[in-house]
Structure formats: C-alpha cells, structure tokens
C-alpha atoms as a PDB file:
ATOM      1  CA  MET A   1       0.000   0.000   0.000  1.00  0.00           C
ATOM      2  CA  PRO A   2       2.630   2.670   0.858  1.00  0.00           C
ATOM      3  CA  ALA A   3       3.824   4.880  -2.024  1.00  0.00           C
ATOM      4  CA  SER A   4       7.147   3.993  -3.521  1.00  0.00           C
ATOM      5  CA  PRO A   5      10.128   5.931  -2.114  1.00  0.00           C
ATOM      6  CA  SER A   6      10.599   7.832  -5.354  1.00  0.00           C
ATOM      7  CA  SER A   7       6.961   8.959  -5.508  1.00  0.00           C
ATOM      8  CA  ALA A   8       6.907   9.705  -1.782  1.00  0.00           C
ATOM      9  CA  CYS A   9       9.701  12.238  -2.370  1.00  0.00           C
ATOM     10  CA  TRP A  10       7.656  14.231  -4.902  1.00  0.00           C
ATOM     11  CA  ARG A  11       5.640  17.298  -3.950  1.00  0.00           C
ATOM     12  CA  THR A  12       3.863  20.001  -5.929  1.00  0.00           C
ATOM     13  CA  PRO A  13       4.304  23.585  -4.657  1.00  0.00           C
ATOM     14  CA  GLU A  14       0.889  23.314  -2.958  1.00  0.00           C
ATOM     15  CA  ILE A  15       1.844  20.105  -1.176  1.00  0.00           C
ATOM     16  CA  ALA A  16       5.285  21.459  -0.369  1.00  0.00           C
ATOM     17  CA  ALA A  17       3.666  24.394   1.379  1.00  0.00           C
ATOM     18  CA  MET A  18       1.964  21.938   3.719  1.00  0.00           C
ATOM     19  CA  THR A  19       4.844  19.504   4.216  1.00  0.00           C
ATOM     20  CA  ASP A  20       8.004  21.568   3.915  1.00  0.00           C
ATOM     21  CA  PRO A  21       8.382  24.517   6.273  1.00  0.00           C
ATOM     22  CA  GLN A  22      11.331  25.839   4.280  1.00  0.00           C
ATOM     23  CA  HIS A  23       8.988  26.276   1.330  1.00  0.00           C
ATOM     24  CA  ASN A  24       7.507  29.145   3.330  1.00  0.00           C
ATOM     25  CA  GLY A  25      10.907  30.346   4.473  1.00  0.00           C
ATOM     26  CA  ALA A  26      10.500  29.042   8.036  1.00  0.00           C
ATOM     27  CA  PRO A  27      12.640  26.100   9.195  1.00  0.00           C
ATOM     28  CA  GLY A  28      11.048  23.506  11.404  1.00  0.00           C
ATOM     29  CA  PRO A  29       8.739  20.493  11.344  1.00  0.00           C
ATOM     30  CA  PRO A  30       5.906  19.964   8.820  1.00  0.00           C
ATOM     31  CA  THR A  31       3.378  20.897  11.481  1.00  0.00           C
ATOM     32  CA  PRO A  32       0.140  20.682   9.414  1.00  0.00           C
ATOM     33  CA  MET A  33       0.963  17.112   8.422  1.00  0.00           C
ATOM     34  CA  ILE A  34       1.907  16.136  11.972  1.00  0.00           C
ATOM     35  CA  VAL A  35      -1.382  17.539  13.269  1.00  0.00           C
ATOM     36  CA  GLY A  36      -3.322  15.738  10.532  1.00  0.00           C
ATOM     37  CA  CYS A  37      -1.534  12.498  11.373  1.00  0.00           C
ATOM     38  CA  MET A  38      -2.371  12.834  15.068  1.00  0.00           C
ATOM     39  CA  LYS A  39      -6.044  13.507  14.315  1.00  0.00           C
ATOM     40  CA  ALA A  40      -6.129  10.443  12.059  1.00  0.00           C
ATOM     41  CA  HIS A  41      -4.673   8.369  14.905  1.00  0.00           C
ATOM     42  CA  ALA A  42      -7.408   9.633  17.228  1.00  0.00           C
ATOM     43  CA  ARG A  43     -10.172   8.782  14.750  1.00  0.00           C
ATOM     44  CA  LEU A  44      -8.800   5.286  14.225  1.00  0.00           C
ATOM     45  CA  LEU A  45      -8.301   4.560  17.910  1.00  0.00           C
ATOM     46  CA  GLY A  46     -11.823   5.736  18.657  1.00  0.00           C
ATOM     47  CA  ARG A  47     -13.148   3.278  16.105  1.00  0.00           C
ATOM     48  CA  LEU A  48     -11.075   0.431  17.548  1.00  0.00           C
ATOM     49  CA  GLU A  49     -12.711   0.677  20.972  1.00  0.00           C
ATOM     50  CA  THR A  50     -15.423  -1.727  19.805  1.00  0.00           C
ATOM     51  CA  VAL A  51     -13.144  -4.285  18.132  1.00  0.00           C
ATOM     52  CA  ASP A  52     -13.346  -7.726  19.747  1.00  0.00           C
ATOM     53  CA  ASP A  53     -11.848 -11.133  19.021  1.00  0.00           C
ATOM     54  CA  VAL A  54     -14.549 -11.954  16.467  1.00  0.00           C
ATOM     55  CA  VAL A  55     -14.005  -8.729  14.517  1.00  0.00           C
ATOM     56  CA  VAL A  56     -10.209  -8.929  14.559  1.00  0.00           C
ATOM     57  CA  SER A  57     -10.251 -12.345  12.908  1.00  0.00           C
ATOM     58  CA  ARG A  58     -12.716 -11.556  10.129  1.00  0.00           C
ATOM     59  CA  PRO A  59     -11.622 -10.568   6.599  1.00  0.00           C
ATOM     60  CA  SER A  60     -10.724  -6.961   5.929  1.00  0.00           C
ATOM     61  CA  ARG A  61     -11.303  -5.291   2.579  1.00  0.00           C
ATOM     62  CA  LEU A  62      -7.750  -6.157   1.539  1.00  0.00           C
ATOM     63  CA  PRO A  63      -7.549  -9.535  -0.228  1.00  0.00           C
ATOM     64  CA  GLY A  64      -5.961 -12.175   1.983  1.00  0.00           C
ATOM     65  CA  TRP A  65      -5.764  -9.927   5.042  1.00  0.00           C
ATOM     66  CA  SER A  66      -7.872 -10.087   8.182  1.00  0.00           C
ATOM     67  CA  VAL A  67      -8.611  -7.084  10.362  1.00  0.00           C
ATOM     68  CA  GLY A  68      -5.715  -8.328  12.505  1.00  0.00           C
ATOM     69  CA  HIS A  69      -3.356  -8.154   9.522  1.00  0.00           C
ATOM     70  CA  VAL A  70      -4.319  -4.538   8.813  1.00  0.00           C
ATOM     71  CA  LEU A  71      -3.958  -3.487  12.452  1.00  0.00           C
ATOM     72  CA  THR A  72      -0.561  -5.159  12.713  1.00  0.00           C
ATOM     73  CA  HIS A  73       0.597  -3.447   9.530  1.00  0.00           C
ATOM     74  CA  VAL A  74      -0.525  -0.040  10.821  1.00  0.00           C
ATOM     75  CA  ALA A  75       1.435  -0.615  14.034  1.00  0.00           C
ATOM     76  CA  ARG A  76       4.606  -1.819  12.311  1.00  0.00           C
ATOM     77  CA  ASN A  77       4.388   1.101   9.882  1.00  0.00           C
ATOM     78  CA  ALA A  78       4.467   3.501  12.832  1.00  0.00           C
ATOM     79  CA  ASP A  79       7.484   1.702  14.285  1.00  0.00           C
ATOM     80  CA  SER A  80       9.284   1.874  10.949  1.00  0.00           C
ATOM     81  CA  PHE A  81       8.911   5.654  10.891  1.00  0.00           C
ATOM     82  CA  VAL A  82      10.029   5.899  14.524  1.00  0.00           C
ATOM     83  CA  ASN A  83      13.196   4.028  13.586  1.00  0.00           C
ATOM     84  CA  MET A  84      13.886   6.343  10.644  1.00  0.00           C
ATOM     85  CA  LEU A  85      13.379   9.505  12.702  1.00  0.00           C
ATOM     86  CA  GLU A  86      15.421   8.275  15.662  1.00  0.00           C
ATOM     87  CA  ALA A  87      18.254   7.270  13.333  1.00  0.00           C
ATOM     88  CA  ALA A  88      18.123  10.684  11.650  1.00  0.00           C
ATOM     89  CA  ALA A  89      18.417  12.349  15.060  1.00  0.00           C
ATOM     90  CA  ALA A  90      21.598  10.308  15.560  1.00  0.00           C
ATOM     91  CA  GLY A  91      22.942  11.369  12.171  1.00  0.00           C
ATOM     92  CA  GLN A  92      22.214   8.069  10.447  1.00  0.00           C
ATOM     93  CA  SER A  93      20.076   6.970   7.506  1.00  0.00           C
ATOM     94  CA  VAL A  94      18.348   3.606   7.906  1.00  0.00           C
ATOM     95  CA  PRO A  95      15.837   1.701   5.761  1.00  0.00           C
ATOM     96  CA  GLN A  96      12.184   1.866   6.693  1.00  0.00           C
ATOM     97  CA  TYR A  97      12.223  -1.920   7.015  1.00  0.00           C
ATOM     98  CA  PRO A  98      15.789  -3.198   7.598  1.00  0.00           C
ATOM     99  CA  GLY A  99      14.831  -6.699   6.467  1.00  0.00           C
ATOM    100  CA  GLY A 100      13.057  -5.442   3.366  1.00  0.00           C
ATOM    101  CA  ARG A 101       9.715  -6.676   2.111  1.00  0.00           C
ATOM    102  CA  GLU A 102      10.326 -10.122   3.579  1.00  0.00           C
ATOM    103  CA  GLN A 103      10.661  -8.766   7.113  1.00  0.00           C
ATOM    104  CA  ARG A 104       7.623  -6.548   6.647  1.00  0.00           C
ATOM    105  CA  ALA A 105       5.481  -9.471   5.494  1.00  0.00           C
ATOM    106  CA  ALA A 106       6.734 -11.796   8.241  1.00  0.00           C
ATOM    107  CA  ASP A 107       6.081  -9.242  10.983  1.00  0.00           C
ATOM    108  CA  ILE A 108       2.540  -8.669   9.752  1.00  0.00           C
ATOM    109  CA  GLU A 109       1.771 -12.374   9.500  1.00  0.00           C
ATOM    110  CA  ARG A 110       3.194 -13.076  12.937  1.00  0.00           C
ATOM    111  CA  GLY A 111       1.092 -10.385  14.587  1.00  0.00           C
ATOM    112  CA  SER A 112      -2.134 -10.972  12.687  1.00  0.00           C
ATOM    113  CA  SER A 113      -3.384 -13.884  14.795  1.00  0.00           C
ATOM    114  CA  ARG A 114      -3.258 -12.053  18.136  1.00  0.00           C
ATOM    115  CA  ARG A 115      -6.339 -11.325  20.154  1.00  0.00           C
ATOM    116  CA  ALA A 116      -8.129  -8.020  19.687  1.00  0.00           C
ATOM    117  CA  ALA A 117      -6.798  -6.341  22.819  1.00  0.00           C
ATOM    118  CA  ALA A 118      -3.208  -7.054  21.826  1.00  0.00           C
ATOM    119  CA  CYS A 119      -3.700  -5.735  18.296  1.00  0.00           C
ATOM    120  CA  VAL A 120      -5.474  -2.580  19.440  1.00  0.00           C
ATOM    121  CA  ASN A 121      -2.910  -1.855  22.160  1.00  0.00           C
ATOM    122  CA  ASP A 122      -0.152  -2.329  19.582  1.00  0.00           C
ATOM    123  CA  VAL A 123      -1.742   0.258  17.292  1.00  0.00           C
ATOM    124  CA  ARG A 124      -2.233   2.676  20.188  1.00  0.00           C
ATOM    125  CA  GLN A 125       1.252   2.332  21.665  1.00  0.00           C
ATOM    126  CA  SER A 126       3.045   2.512  18.316  1.00  0.00           C
ATOM    127  CA  ALA A 127       1.068   5.632  17.386  1.00  0.00           C
ATOM    128  CA  GLU A 128       1.965   7.223  20.712  1.00  0.00           C
ATOM    129  CA  ARG A 129       5.646   6.438  20.153  1.00  0.00           C
ATOM    130  CA  LEU A 130       5.574   8.017  16.713  1.00  0.00           C
ATOM    131  CA  GLU A 131       3.756  11.127  17.944  1.00  0.00           C
ATOM    132  CA  ALA A 132       6.299  11.544  20.736  1.00  0.00           C
ATOM    133  CA  VAL A 133       9.261  11.200  18.369  1.00  0.00           C
ATOM    134  CA  MET A 134       7.762  13.686  15.897  1.00  0.00           C
ATOM    135  CA  ALA A 135       7.069  16.176  18.701  1.00  0.00           C
ATOM    136  CA  GLU A 136      10.590  15.917  20.102  1.00  0.00           C
ATOM    137  CA  ALA A 137      12.525  15.778  16.814  1.00  0.00           C
ATOM    138  CA  PRO A 138      15.053  18.601  16.430  1.00  0.00           C
ATOM    139  CA  ALA A 139      14.823  20.774  13.339  1.00  0.00           C
ATOM    140  CA  ALA A 140      17.766  18.977  11.705  1.00  0.00           C
ATOM    141  CA  VAL A 141      15.790  15.732  11.567  1.00  0.00           C
ATOM    142  CA  TRP A 142      13.300  17.236   9.134  1.00  0.00           C
ATOM    143  CA  GLU A 143      16.158  18.012   6.748  1.00  0.00           C
ATOM    144  CA  ALA A 144      17.555  14.467   6.989  1.00  0.00           C
ATOM    145  CA  PHE A 145      16.833  11.319   4.993  1.00  0.00           C
ATOM    146  CA  GLY A 146      16.031   7.698   5.607  1.00  0.00           C
ATOM    147  CA  LEU A 147      16.191   5.002   2.945  1.00  0.00           C
ATOM    148  CA  GLY A 148      13.291   3.773   0.814  1.00  0.00           C
ATOM    149  CA  TRP A 149      12.481   0.350  -0.566  1.00  0.00           C
ATOM    150  CA  ASP A 150      14.899   0.870  -3.443  1.00  0.00           C
ATOM    151  CA  GLY A 151      17.727   2.140  -1.226  1.00  0.00           C
ATOM    152  CA  GLN A 152      17.247   5.705  -2.425  1.00  0.00           C
ATOM    153  CA  PRO A 153      17.034   8.638   0.025  1.00  0.00           C
ATOM    154  CA  ALA A 154      13.575   9.202   1.504  1.00  0.00           C
ATOM    155  CA  PRO A 155      13.064  12.648   3.093  1.00  0.00           C
ATOM    156  CA  CYS A 156      12.164  12.553   6.762  1.00  0.00           C
ATOM    157  CA  ARG A 157       9.975  15.634   6.295  1.00  0.00           C
ATOM    158  CA  ASN A 158       7.622  13.470   4.227  1.00  0.00           C
ATOM    159  CA  ILE A 159       7.114  10.910   7.000  1.00  0.00           C
ATOM    160  CA  PRO A 160       4.117  12.654   8.631  1.00  0.00           C
ATOM    161  CA  SER A 161       2.253  12.926   5.311  1.00  0.00           C
ATOM    162  CA  ARG A 162       3.069   9.323   4.424  1.00  0.00           C
ATOM    163  CA  ARG A 163       1.825   8.176   7.815  1.00  0.00           C
ATOM    164  CA  TRP A 164      -1.367  10.216   7.463  1.00  0.00           C
ATOM    165  CA  LYS A 165      -2.114   8.458   4.168  1.00  0.00           C
ATOM    166  CA  GLU A 166      -1.408   5.050   5.694  1.00  0.00           C
ATOM    167  CA  VAL A 167      -3.779   5.599   8.587  1.00  0.00           C
ATOM    168  CA  GLU A 168      -6.659   7.121   6.618  1.00  0.00           C
ATOM    169  CA  ILE A 169      -6.584   4.540   3.820  1.00  0.00           C
ATOM    170  CA  HIS A 170      -6.179   1.522   6.083  1.00  0.00           C
ATOM    171  CA  HIS A 171      -8.915   2.849   8.368  1.00  0.00           C
ATOM    172  CA  VAL A 172     -11.243   2.340   5.411  1.00  0.00           C
ATOM    173  CA  ASP A 173      -9.686  -1.058   4.638  1.00  0.00           C
ATOM    174  CA  LEU A 174     -10.726  -2.333   8.074  1.00  0.00           C
ATOM    175  CA  GLY A 175     -14.387  -2.313   7.040  1.00  0.00           C
ATOM    176  CA  LEU A 176     -15.518  -0.985  10.410  1.00  0.00           C
ATOM    177  CA  GLY A 177     -17.810   1.788   9.183  1.00  0.00           C
ATOM    178  CA  TYR A 178     -15.243   4.448   8.227  1.00  0.00           C
ATOM    179  CA  GLU A 179     -15.512   5.239   4.513  1.00  0.00           C
ATOM    180  CA  ALA A 180     -13.733   7.400   1.960  1.00  0.00           C
ATOM    181  CA  GLU A 181     -16.554   9.924   2.308  1.00  0.00           C
ATOM    182  CA  ASP A 182     -15.457  10.375   5.937  1.00  0.00           C
ATOM    183  CA  TRP A 183     -11.953  11.511   4.987  1.00  0.00           C
ATOM    184  CA  PRO A 184     -11.367  15.129   6.072  1.00  0.00           C
ATOM    185  CA  ALA A 185     -11.131  17.727   3.318  1.00  0.00           C
ATOM    186  CA  ASP A 186      -7.539  18.709   4.114  1.00  0.00           C
ATOM    187  CA  PHE A 187      -6.463  15.066   3.777  1.00  0.00           C
ATOM    188  CA  VAL A 188      -8.214  14.669   0.433  1.00  0.00           C
ATOM    189  CA  SER A 189      -6.687  17.942  -0.811  1.00  0.00           C
ATOM    190  CA  PHE A 190      -3.106  16.749  -0.501  1.00  0.00           C
ATOM    191  CA  ALA A 191      -3.579  12.988  -0.922  1.00  0.00           C
ATOM    192  CA  LEU A 192      -5.518  13.295  -4.175  1.00  0.00           C
ATOM    193  CA  VAL A 193      -2.811  15.415  -5.816  1.00  0.00           C
ATOM    194  CA  ASP A 194      -0.111  13.113  -4.451  1.00  0.00           C
ATOM    195  CA  THR A 195      -1.881   9.982  -5.704  1.00  0.00           C
ATOM    196  CA  LEU A 196      -2.630  11.430  -9.137  1.00  0.00           C
ATOM    197  CA  HIS A 197       1.061  12.131  -9.569  1.00  0.00           C
ATOM    198  CA  ASP A 198       1.756   8.440  -8.992  1.00  0.00           C
ATOM    199  CA  LEU A 199      -0.828   7.370 -11.569  1.00  0.00           C
ATOM    200  CA  PRO A 200       1.056   7.353 -14.916  1.00  0.00           C
ATOM    201  CA  PRO A 201       3.739   4.845 -13.856  1.00  0.00           C
ATOM    202  CA  ARG A 202       0.963   2.503 -12.695  1.00  0.00           C
ATOM    203  CA  ILE A 203      -0.555   2.296 -16.216  1.00  0.00           C
ATOM    204  CA  ALA A 204       1.745   0.107 -18.295  1.00  0.00           C
ATOM    205  CA  ASP A 205      -0.217   0.283 -21.550  1.00  0.00           C
ATOM    206  CA  ALA A 206       0.487   3.451 -23.566  1.00  0.00           C
ATOM    207  CA  ARG A 207      -2.982   3.437 -25.149  1.00  0.00           C
ATOM    208  CA  GLN A 208      -4.603   3.244 -21.726  1.00  0.00           C
ATOM    209  CA  ARG A 209      -2.470   6.164 -20.527  1.00  0.00           C
ATOM    210  CA  ALA A 210      -3.663   8.173 -23.526  1.00  0.00           C
ATOM    211  CA  ALA A 211      -7.280   7.233 -22.767  1.00  0.00           C
ATOM    212  CA  MET A 212      -6.845   8.345 -19.163  1.00  0.00           C
ATOM    213  CA  LEU A 213      -5.427  11.695 -20.295  1.00  0.00           C
ATOM    214  CA  ALA A 214      -8.312  12.182 -22.719  1.00  0.00           C
ATOM    215  CA  TRP A 215     -10.802  11.578 -19.918  1.00  0.00           C
ATOM    216  CA  LEU A 216      -9.029  13.877 -17.457  1.00  0.00           C
ATOM    217  CA  THR A 217      -8.995  16.678 -20.016  1.00  0.00           C
ATOM    218  CA  GLY A 218     -12.699  16.264 -20.815  1.00  0.00           C
ATOM    219  CA  ARG A 219     -12.186  14.680 -24.243  1.00  0.00           C
ATOM    220  CA  ARG A 220     -13.941  11.435 -23.310  1.00  0.00           C
ATOM    221  CA  ASP A 221     -16.871  10.600 -21.072  1.00  0.00           C
ATOM    222  CA  THR A 222     -15.002   7.627 -19.605  1.00  0.00           C
ATOM    223  CA  PRO A 223     -11.418   6.349 -19.784  1.00  0.00           C
ATOM    224  CA  GLY A 224     -12.648   2.810 -20.444  1.00  0.00           C
ATOM    225  CA  PRO A 225     -10.992  -0.234 -18.859  1.00  0.00           C
ATOM    226  CA  ILE A 226      -7.652   0.665 -17.257  1.00  0.00           C
ATOM    227  CA  GLU A 227      -5.234  -1.868 -15.775  1.00  0.00           C
ATOM    228  CA  PHE A 228      -3.178  -0.542 -12.852  1.00  0.00           C
ATOM    229  CA  THR A 229      -0.143  -2.074 -11.233  1.00  0.00           C
ATOM    230  CA  PRO A 230      -0.623  -2.742  -7.486  1.00  0.00           C
ATOM    231  CA  TYR A 231      -0.716   0.333  -5.245  1.00  0.00           C
END
C-alpha cells in the first residue's frame, strides 16, 4: 500500500507548502501534516474501541488480510517511521524496514493472529511512540533522509504525510464503518494530488495512458478499462 520511495519524495508547490516549512521560508517540522496524522490516529483509535476477538479475525477489505493483519501493519508502519526519525536524530540513515519486504510481510503475519486487545494496544502504543518522536525531533531531523524500498534517500519531512495516508486509507480497509466519504477535506486535498502524480507509472499500456489523459482533459466521457499495477 505505501507509495514507492521515489513517488513519496515528490511534492507540488501546494503540497510542499503543507509539508516543507522551508517552502515558506520558516525552518522547522511539517506541522500541518503532523497535526493531521495525530487527528487520524485519534479517529482510528476511537473506532477500535469496539473491536473484539470476532471482529479482529474476520476478513478486511484487503484480499488475503484479516482485520488483525491490517492493524498489525498499521502498528509496524508507525514503528518503521520511529526508527527512521530516531536514526536521523543520531545522524544516520536507515531503511524503513531493515529486512526489506520479507521482514515486513513476516512481521505482519506473525502479529495478525493475536487477540483483539493485543492488536489494538499495539496500534495505540506505536502511534503514541511516533507522535512523541515527531514532537521531540530537532529541526535537523526534518532536513535528513532515511532510505526507501529501493535504497534511495527518503526525506524525513515526508514521513508525517506518508503516515497520514497510511492511517486514513487503512482505516477504510478495516471495514468498520469508516468510509472514503469520511476523509477530512484537508487530507483529500493533498492525498488526491499526491496519488494522481503516482498514476502514470501505474498504467503500463500506452494506449490506456492516452485514454486516461483524454478523460481527465474532458475529451472522453469515460477512460474505459484501465489496468493498474498494485498500489
């Protein structure tokens, strides 16, 4: 689900104004994104108060994943960003997942079969750790870099916006009554632009890319069938 490291590094001027304080001439953390991330955590944790052992074991909206899988992924995602920010504070650049995709998948599978209370507490505690690290991070951290899936630099200043997307989208994936229509307007404003930027590389067929462009520019009523690579 998370955006690739290369796409996660991209920002339009509008998005940069929200995520990069230097874009406005003021050094410091990307405060609007941190606040949005914290509010998303609160919405999710409020929803999880009613999750029990029956709910945690049922299928989520993600193929092959239970609610427990999604909750475990959300928790490990928070920990991965904690590790990147703490390493940056120490002057180091580390991968989001040191063991790569294999470690990520194994950690999710291992945690997915836990009881509801354990999964929910994991999400809560990992979110609290991330919020604390973001609040305490010195200004230099937001100018530093971690490492993405491909080993390329991943800006730490983009971590809050990446986390916000993770939480909002997976909140919907849980199938617990939170829908895309419930996403706050400020989230949709930046996430839509960010996601549209990632769209062309996900359409392998040149004719389908042309059809998508024709639709977006009002030259067709529908783009027709479009095959996307996995998000």
